[in-house]
Structures are given as structure tokens and as C-alpha cells.
Amino acid sequence: MPVRPVTDTLRHIGGGVFIDLASDKMAELVSAVNASGKAGKLTLEIKVKKATRGGAMHITGSLKLTKPAEEPMEAMLFATPEGNLVADDPRQSKLDLKTVPNAAADITTANLKTA
């Protein structure tokens, strides 16, 4: 008898739930790698132990998904002499900016001749 594909065995673990879950985790991994551009990993572990003296085997499957690490969040802040962090550079003076009310702009049109 030829060797059976391992997928035949995987289909029996958990009544077929294991292989379906592995497929879902694989799709999740591919999406995460595609979005981040970084590598990830899906580990399938199969344990086999003898169940009885009659030749039966007990098969256990487990999955571990390692998604790519997310980029850390950042902020650029300035240090004060007291050791605090603030959003505005304390060494620069503030500009006294004022809002200009909306003024109706004069719109002129030019009558251009096309050749």
C-alpha cells in the first residue's frame, strides 16, 4: 500500500475542524503579511501516541499563528528644561496668528478667442 498524503490524516483530527481551522489561519497569516510586508509564521504540530495494544493511534493537532509585529506608534515631542514633553518647541516664540474673515473675491473672466 502506498503512503497516504498527510492531509488525509489532518482531515480526521477534530472531525475535519482542524484542517478547516488551519486553512483559516493560513488565510489570516497571508493577509497580515500582505498588509505589513513583514514575515509571519503558522506552526502545525501533530502528536502521535499509541492508544492501545491493538495498533490504534491517538493523533492530536495544534496550531500556532505568529502574525507580523505591528509598527509602533510614534509622536515627536520636545523636552522642556523641567524634563517634561510638550508638542510645541519651547525654544521658539509663538506667532500671534489671527483669522481673516471671508471676503468676497472679485472674479473676472477673460474672453479668450480660440483659433
N, C-alpha and C. Protein backbone atom coordinates (compact mmCIF):
# COMPACT_ATOMS: atom_id res chain seq x y z
N MET A 1 0.84 -1.18 0.00
CA MET A 1 0.00 0.00 0.00
C MET A 1 0.89 1.25 0.00
N PRO A 2 0.62 2.22 -0.90
CA PRO A 2 1.44 3.44 -0.94
C PRO A 2 1.16 4.33 0.28
N VAL A 3 2.08 5.22 0.55
CA VAL A 3 1.93 6.14 1.67
C VAL A 3 0.81 7.13 1.37
N ARG A 4 -0.08 7.32 2.34
CA ARG A 4 -1.20 8.26 2.16
C ARG A 4 -0.74 9.68 2.43
N PRO A 5 -1.32 10.65 1.74
CA PRO A 5 -0.96 12.05 1.99
C PRO A 5 -1.32 12.45 3.43
N VAL A 6 -0.49 13.30 4.02
CA VAL A 6 -0.72 13.74 5.40
C VAL A 6 -2.05 14.47 5.52
N THR A 7 -2.50 15.10 4.45
CA THR A 7 -3.78 15.82 4.51
C THR A 7 -4.95 14.88 4.80
N ASP A 8 -4.82 13.61 4.41
CA ASP A 8 -5.87 12.64 4.74
C ASP A 8 -5.99 12.48 6.26
N THR A 9 -4.85 12.45 6.93
CA THR A 9 -4.85 12.33 8.39
C THR A 9 -5.36 13.62 9.03
N LEU A 10 -4.92 14.77 8.51
CA LEU A 10 -5.34 16.05 9.07
C LEU A 10 -6.85 16.23 9.02
N ARG A 11 -7.49 15.66 7.99
CA ARG A 11 -8.94 15.77 7.86
C ARG A 11 -9.68 15.01 8.97
N HIS A 12 -9.03 14.04 9.59
CA HIS A 12 -9.68 13.26 10.66
C HIS A 12 -9.58 13.95 12.02
N ILE A 13 -8.60 14.81 12.20
CA ILE A 13 -8.41 15.45 13.52
C ILE A 13 -9.56 16.42 13.77
N GLY A 14 -10.23 16.21 14.87
CA GLY A 14 -11.37 17.07 15.23
C GLY A 14 -12.53 16.95 14.28
N GLY A 15 -12.64 15.85 13.60
CA GLY A 15 -13.75 15.66 12.66
C GLY A 15 -13.70 16.62 11.48
N GLY A 16 -12.50 17.03 11.09
CA GLY A 16 -12.33 17.93 9.95
C GLY A 16 -12.19 19.39 10.35
N VAL A 17 -12.45 19.71 11.61
CA VAL A 17 -12.36 21.09 12.08
C VAL A 17 -10.91 21.57 12.07
N PHE A 18 -9.97 20.70 12.41
CA PHE A 18 -8.56 21.09 12.47
C PHE A 18 -8.05 21.61 11.14
N ILE A 19 -8.30 20.89 10.06
CA ILE A 19 -7.80 21.30 8.75
C ILE A 19 -8.51 22.56 8.27
N ASP A 20 -9.79 22.72 8.61
CA ASP A 20 -10.51 23.94 8.26
C ASP A 20 -9.94 25.14 9.02
N LEU A 21 -9.65 24.94 10.29
CA LEU A 21 -9.07 26.00 11.11
C LEU A 21 -7.67 26.36 10.61
N ALA A 22 -6.89 25.36 10.22
CA ALA A 22 -5.55 25.61 9.67
C ALA A 22 -5.65 26.44 8.39
N SER A 23 -6.63 26.15 7.56
CA SER A 23 -6.84 26.92 6.33
C SER A 23 -7.22 28.35 6.64
N ASP A 24 -8.10 28.55 7.63
CA ASP A 24 -8.49 29.90 8.03
C ASP A 24 -7.30 30.68 8.58
N LYS A 25 -6.47 30.02 9.40
CA LYS A 25 -5.29 30.68 9.98
C LYS A 25 -4.28 31.03 8.88
N MET A 26 -4.17 30.18 7.88
CA MET A 26 -3.26 30.45 6.77
C MET A 26 -3.71 31.69 6.00
N ALA A 27 -5.00 31.81 5.74
CA ALA A 27 -5.53 32.99 5.05
C ALA A 27 -5.32 34.25 5.89
N GLU A 28 -5.51 34.13 7.20
CA GLU A 28 -5.29 35.25 8.11
C GLU A 28 -3.82 35.69 8.09
N LEU A 29 -2.93 34.71 8.06
CA LEU A 29 -1.49 34.99 8.02
C LEU A 29 -1.11 35.68 6.71
N VAL A 30 -1.61 35.17 5.59
CA VAL A 30 -1.30 35.76 4.29
C VAL A 30 -1.78 37.21 4.24
N SER A 31 -2.96 37.49 4.76
CA SER A 31 -3.48 38.86 4.77
C SER A 31 -2.61 39.77 5.62
N ALA A 32 -2.19 39.29 6.79
CA ALA A 32 -1.36 40.10 7.69
C ALA A 32 0.01 40.37 7.07
N VAL A 33 0.60 39.38 6.43
CA VAL A 33 1.90 39.55 5.78
C VAL A 33 1.78 40.50 4.60
N ASN A 34 0.71 40.37 3.85
CA ASN A 34 0.48 41.24 2.70
C ASN A 34 0.31 42.69 3.15
N ALA A 35 -0.40 42.92 4.25
CA ALA A 35 -0.64 44.27 4.75
C ALA A 35 0.61 44.91 5.34
N SER A 36 1.42 44.11 6.04
CA SER A 36 2.58 44.68 6.74
C SER A 36 3.87 44.60 5.95
N GLY A 37 3.97 43.64 5.04
CA GLY A 37 5.21 43.43 4.31
C GLY A 37 6.25 42.67 5.12
N LYS A 38 5.88 42.24 6.31
CA LYS A 38 6.81 41.52 7.19
C LYS A 38 6.40 40.05 7.27
N ALA A 39 7.33 39.21 7.68
CA ALA A 39 7.09 37.77 7.74
C ALA A 39 6.28 37.38 8.97
N GLY A 40 5.55 36.30 8.83
CA GLY A 40 4.82 35.69 9.92
C GLY A 40 5.01 34.19 9.84
N LYS A 41 4.33 33.46 10.75
CA LYS A 41 4.55 32.02 10.76
C LYS A 41 3.29 31.31 11.24
N LEU A 42 2.99 30.17 10.61
CA LEU A 42 1.93 29.28 11.05
C LEU A 42 2.57 27.93 11.35
N THR A 43 2.46 27.50 12.59
CA THR A 43 3.06 26.23 13.00
C THR A 43 1.95 25.22 13.24
N LEU A 44 2.03 24.10 12.55
CA LEU A 44 1.12 22.99 12.76
C LEU A 44 1.90 21.91 13.49
N GLU A 45 1.39 21.49 14.64
CA GLU A 45 2.06 20.44 15.40
C GLU A 45 1.14 19.23 15.48
N ILE A 46 1.66 18.08 15.11
CA ILE A 46 0.92 16.82 15.14
C ILE A 46 1.63 15.89 16.12
N LYS A 47 0.88 15.43 17.13
CA LYS A 47 1.43 14.47 18.08
C LYS A 47 0.77 13.12 17.86
N VAL A 48 1.57 12.07 17.90
CA VAL A 48 1.08 10.72 17.69
C VAL A 48 1.52 9.86 18.87
N LYS A 49 0.56 9.16 19.48
CA LYS A 49 0.93 8.21 20.53
C LYS A 49 0.05 6.97 20.40
N LYS A 50 0.58 5.88 20.84
CA LYS A 50 -0.14 4.62 20.76
C LYS A 50 -1.28 4.64 21.78
N ALA A 51 -2.48 4.32 21.32
CA ALA A 51 -3.66 4.38 22.20
C ALA A 51 -3.89 3.06 22.91
N THR A 52 -3.72 1.95 22.22
CA THR A 52 -3.97 0.63 22.80
C THR A 52 -2.96 -0.35 22.26
N ARG A 53 -3.04 -1.56 22.77
CA ARG A 53 -2.15 -2.62 22.25
C ARG A 53 -2.61 -3.14 20.89
N GLY A 54 -3.82 -2.74 20.48
CA GLY A 54 -4.37 -3.24 19.22
C GLY A 54 -3.89 -2.51 17.99
N GLY A 55 -3.03 -1.53 18.13
CA GLY A 55 -2.49 -0.84 16.97
C GLY A 55 -3.12 0.52 16.71
N ALA A 56 -4.12 0.94 17.49
CA ALA A 56 -4.74 2.25 17.29
C ALA A 56 -3.78 3.36 17.73
N MET A 57 -3.88 4.48 17.08
CA MET A 57 -3.03 5.64 17.39
C MET A 57 -3.91 6.82 17.78
N HIS A 58 -3.45 7.58 18.75
CA HIS A 58 -4.14 8.79 19.17
C HIS A 58 -3.40 9.97 18.54
N ILE A 59 -4.09 10.74 17.69
CA ILE A 59 -3.48 11.85 16.95
C ILE A 59 -4.03 13.16 17.51
N THR A 60 -3.14 14.09 17.83
CA THR A 60 -3.52 15.40 18.34
C THR A 60 -2.89 16.47 17.46
N GLY A 61 -3.68 17.46 17.09
CA GLY A 61 -3.16 18.55 16.27
C GLY A 61 -3.34 19.88 16.98
N SER A 62 -2.34 20.75 16.85
CA SER A 62 -2.45 22.10 17.40
C SER A 62 -1.87 23.09 16.40
N LEU A 63 -2.35 24.31 16.49
CA LEU A 63 -1.93 25.38 15.59
C LEU A 63 -1.39 26.55 16.40
N LYS A 64 -0.39 27.22 15.85
CA LYS A 64 0.11 28.44 16.47
C LYS A 64 0.37 29.44 15.37
N LEU A 65 -0.34 30.57 15.43
CA LEU A 65 -0.20 31.62 14.43
C LEU A 65 0.63 32.76 15.02
N THR A 66 1.69 33.13 14.33
CA THR A 66 2.52 34.26 14.74
C THR A 66 2.43 35.30 13.63
N LYS A 67 1.62 36.34 13.88
CA LYS A 67 1.45 37.39 12.88
C LYS A 67 2.64 38.34 12.93
N PRO A 68 2.86 39.05 11.82
CA PRO A 68 3.94 40.05 11.82
C PRO A 68 3.69 41.11 12.90
N ALA A 69 4.76 41.58 13.49
CA ALA A 69 4.62 42.60 14.52
C ALA A 69 4.11 43.90 13.89
N GLU A 70 3.23 44.57 14.62
CA GLU A 70 2.70 45.84 14.14
C GLU A 70 3.72 46.94 14.39
N GLU A 71 3.68 47.95 13.55
CA GLU A 71 4.57 49.10 13.71
C GLU A 71 4.21 49.83 14.99
N PRO A 72 5.22 50.25 15.75
CA PRO A 72 4.92 51.00 16.98
C PRO A 72 4.38 52.39 16.63
N MET A 73 3.54 52.92 17.52
CA MET A 73 3.02 54.28 17.32
C MET A 73 4.08 55.27 17.77
N GLU A 74 4.10 56.44 17.12
CA GLU A 74 5.13 57.43 17.40
C GLU A 74 4.52 58.80 17.64
N ALA A 75 5.28 59.65 18.29
CA ALA A 75 4.97 61.06 18.44
C ALA A 75 6.29 61.81 18.52
N MET A 76 6.32 63.03 17.98
CA MET A 76 7.51 63.86 18.11
C MET A 76 7.18 64.96 19.11
N LEU A 77 7.87 64.95 20.23
CA LEU A 77 7.65 65.91 21.29
C LEU A 77 8.96 66.60 21.63
N PHE A 78 8.87 67.71 22.33
CA PHE A 78 10.04 68.49 22.70
C PHE A 78 10.22 68.46 24.21
N ALA A 79 11.45 68.39 24.64
CA ALA A 79 11.77 68.36 26.07
C ALA A 79 11.86 69.79 26.61
N THR A 80 11.29 70.00 27.79
CA THR A 80 11.40 71.29 28.47
C THR A 80 12.57 71.20 29.46
N PRO A 81 13.05 72.34 29.96
CA PRO A 81 14.14 72.30 30.94
C PRO A 81 13.76 71.52 32.22
N GLU A 82 12.45 71.43 32.50
CA GLU A 82 11.99 70.70 33.68
C GLU A 82 11.91 69.20 33.45
N GLY A 83 12.12 68.76 32.22
CA GLY A 83 12.07 67.33 31.91
C GLY A 83 10.72 66.86 31.42
N ASN A 84 9.83 67.79 31.10
CA ASN A 84 8.52 67.42 30.56
C ASN A 84 8.60 67.31 29.05
N LEU A 85 7.60 66.69 28.45
CA LEU A 85 7.49 66.60 27.00
C LEU A 85 6.27 67.39 26.55
N VAL A 86 6.46 68.27 25.55
CA VAL A 86 5.36 69.09 25.04
C VAL A 86 5.36 69.02 23.52
N ALA A 87 4.20 69.36 22.93
CA ALA A 87 4.05 69.27 21.48
C ALA A 87 4.72 70.43 20.75
N ASP A 88 4.82 71.60 21.39
CA ASP A 88 5.43 72.77 20.74
C ASP A 88 6.84 72.97 21.28
N ASP A 89 7.75 73.40 20.41
CA ASP A 89 9.13 73.62 20.80
C ASP A 89 9.18 74.81 21.76
N PRO A 90 9.58 74.60 23.01
CA PRO A 90 9.58 75.69 23.99
C PRO A 90 10.63 76.76 23.68
N ARG A 91 11.59 76.49 22.81
CA ARG A 91 12.62 77.47 22.46
C ARG A 91 12.16 78.44 21.39
N GLN A 92 11.03 78.16 20.76
CA GLN A 92 10.53 79.04 19.71
C GLN A 92 9.40 79.91 20.26
N SER A 93 9.39 81.18 19.84
CA SER A 93 8.31 82.06 20.29
C SER A 93 7.05 81.75 19.49
N LYS A 94 5.92 82.05 20.10
CA LYS A 94 4.63 81.80 19.46
C LYS A 94 4.31 82.94 18.50
N LEU A 95 3.73 82.60 17.39
CA LEU A 95 3.28 83.61 16.44
C LEU A 95 1.86 84.01 16.80
N ASP A 96 1.58 85.29 16.72
CA ASP A 96 0.23 85.78 17.03
C ASP A 96 -0.59 85.75 15.74
N LEU A 97 -1.08 84.60 15.39
CA LEU A 97 -1.84 84.43 14.15
C LEU A 97 -3.30 84.78 14.39
N LYS A 98 -3.92 85.45 13.41
CA LYS A 98 -5.32 85.84 13.51
C LYS A 98 -6.07 85.33 12.30
N THR A 99 -7.35 85.08 12.48
CA THR A 99 -8.20 84.61 11.40
C THR A 99 -8.69 85.80 10.60
N VAL A 100 -8.62 85.71 9.30
CA VAL A 100 -9.13 86.74 8.40
C VAL A 100 -10.54 86.37 8.02
N PRO A 101 -11.50 87.32 8.16
CA PRO A 101 -12.87 86.99 7.77
C PRO A 101 -12.96 86.74 6.26
N ASN A 102 -13.89 85.90 5.87
CA ASN A 102 -14.06 85.59 4.44
C ASN A 102 -14.47 86.84 3.69
N ALA A 103 -13.70 87.21 2.72
CA ALA A 103 -14.02 88.36 1.88
C ALA A 103 -14.42 87.84 0.51
N ALA A 104 -15.45 88.45 -0.04
CA ALA A 104 -15.88 88.03 -1.37
C ALA A 104 -14.79 88.41 -2.36
N ALA A 105 -14.30 87.44 -3.04
CA ALA A 105 -13.22 87.68 -4.00
C ALA A 105 -13.82 88.16 -5.32
N ASP A 106 -13.18 89.16 -5.91
CA ASP A 106 -13.61 89.60 -7.22
C ASP A 106 -13.13 88.60 -8.25
N ILE A 107 -14.09 88.12 -8.99
CA ILE A 107 -13.76 87.14 -10.02
C ILE A 107 -13.98 87.79 -11.37
N THR A 108 -12.97 87.80 -12.17
CA THR A 108 -13.10 88.34 -13.52
C THR A 108 -12.88 87.21 -14.50
N THR A 109 -13.55 87.28 -15.57
CA THR A 109 -13.39 86.27 -16.61
C THR A 109 -12.80 86.93 -17.83
N ALA A 110 -12.03 86.22 -18.52
CA ALA A 110 -11.43 86.71 -19.75
C ALA A 110 -12.08 85.99 -20.91
N ASN A 111 -12.38 86.71 -21.91
CA ASN A 111 -12.98 86.13 -23.10
C ASN A 111 -11.84 85.83 -24.07
N LEU A 112 -11.40 84.60 -24.06
CA LEU A 112 -10.29 84.21 -24.91
C LEU A 112 -10.82 83.62 -26.20
N LYS A 113 -10.21 84.06 -27.27
CA LYS A 113 -10.60 83.52 -28.57
C LYS A 113 -9.79 82.27 -28.84
N THR A 114 -10.44 81.26 -29.32
CA THR A 114 -9.74 80.03 -29.69
C THR A 114 -9.60 79.99 -31.18
N ALA A 115 -8.48 79.56 -31.64
CA ALA A 115 -8.22 79.52 -33.07
C ALA A 115 -8.79 78.28 -33.69
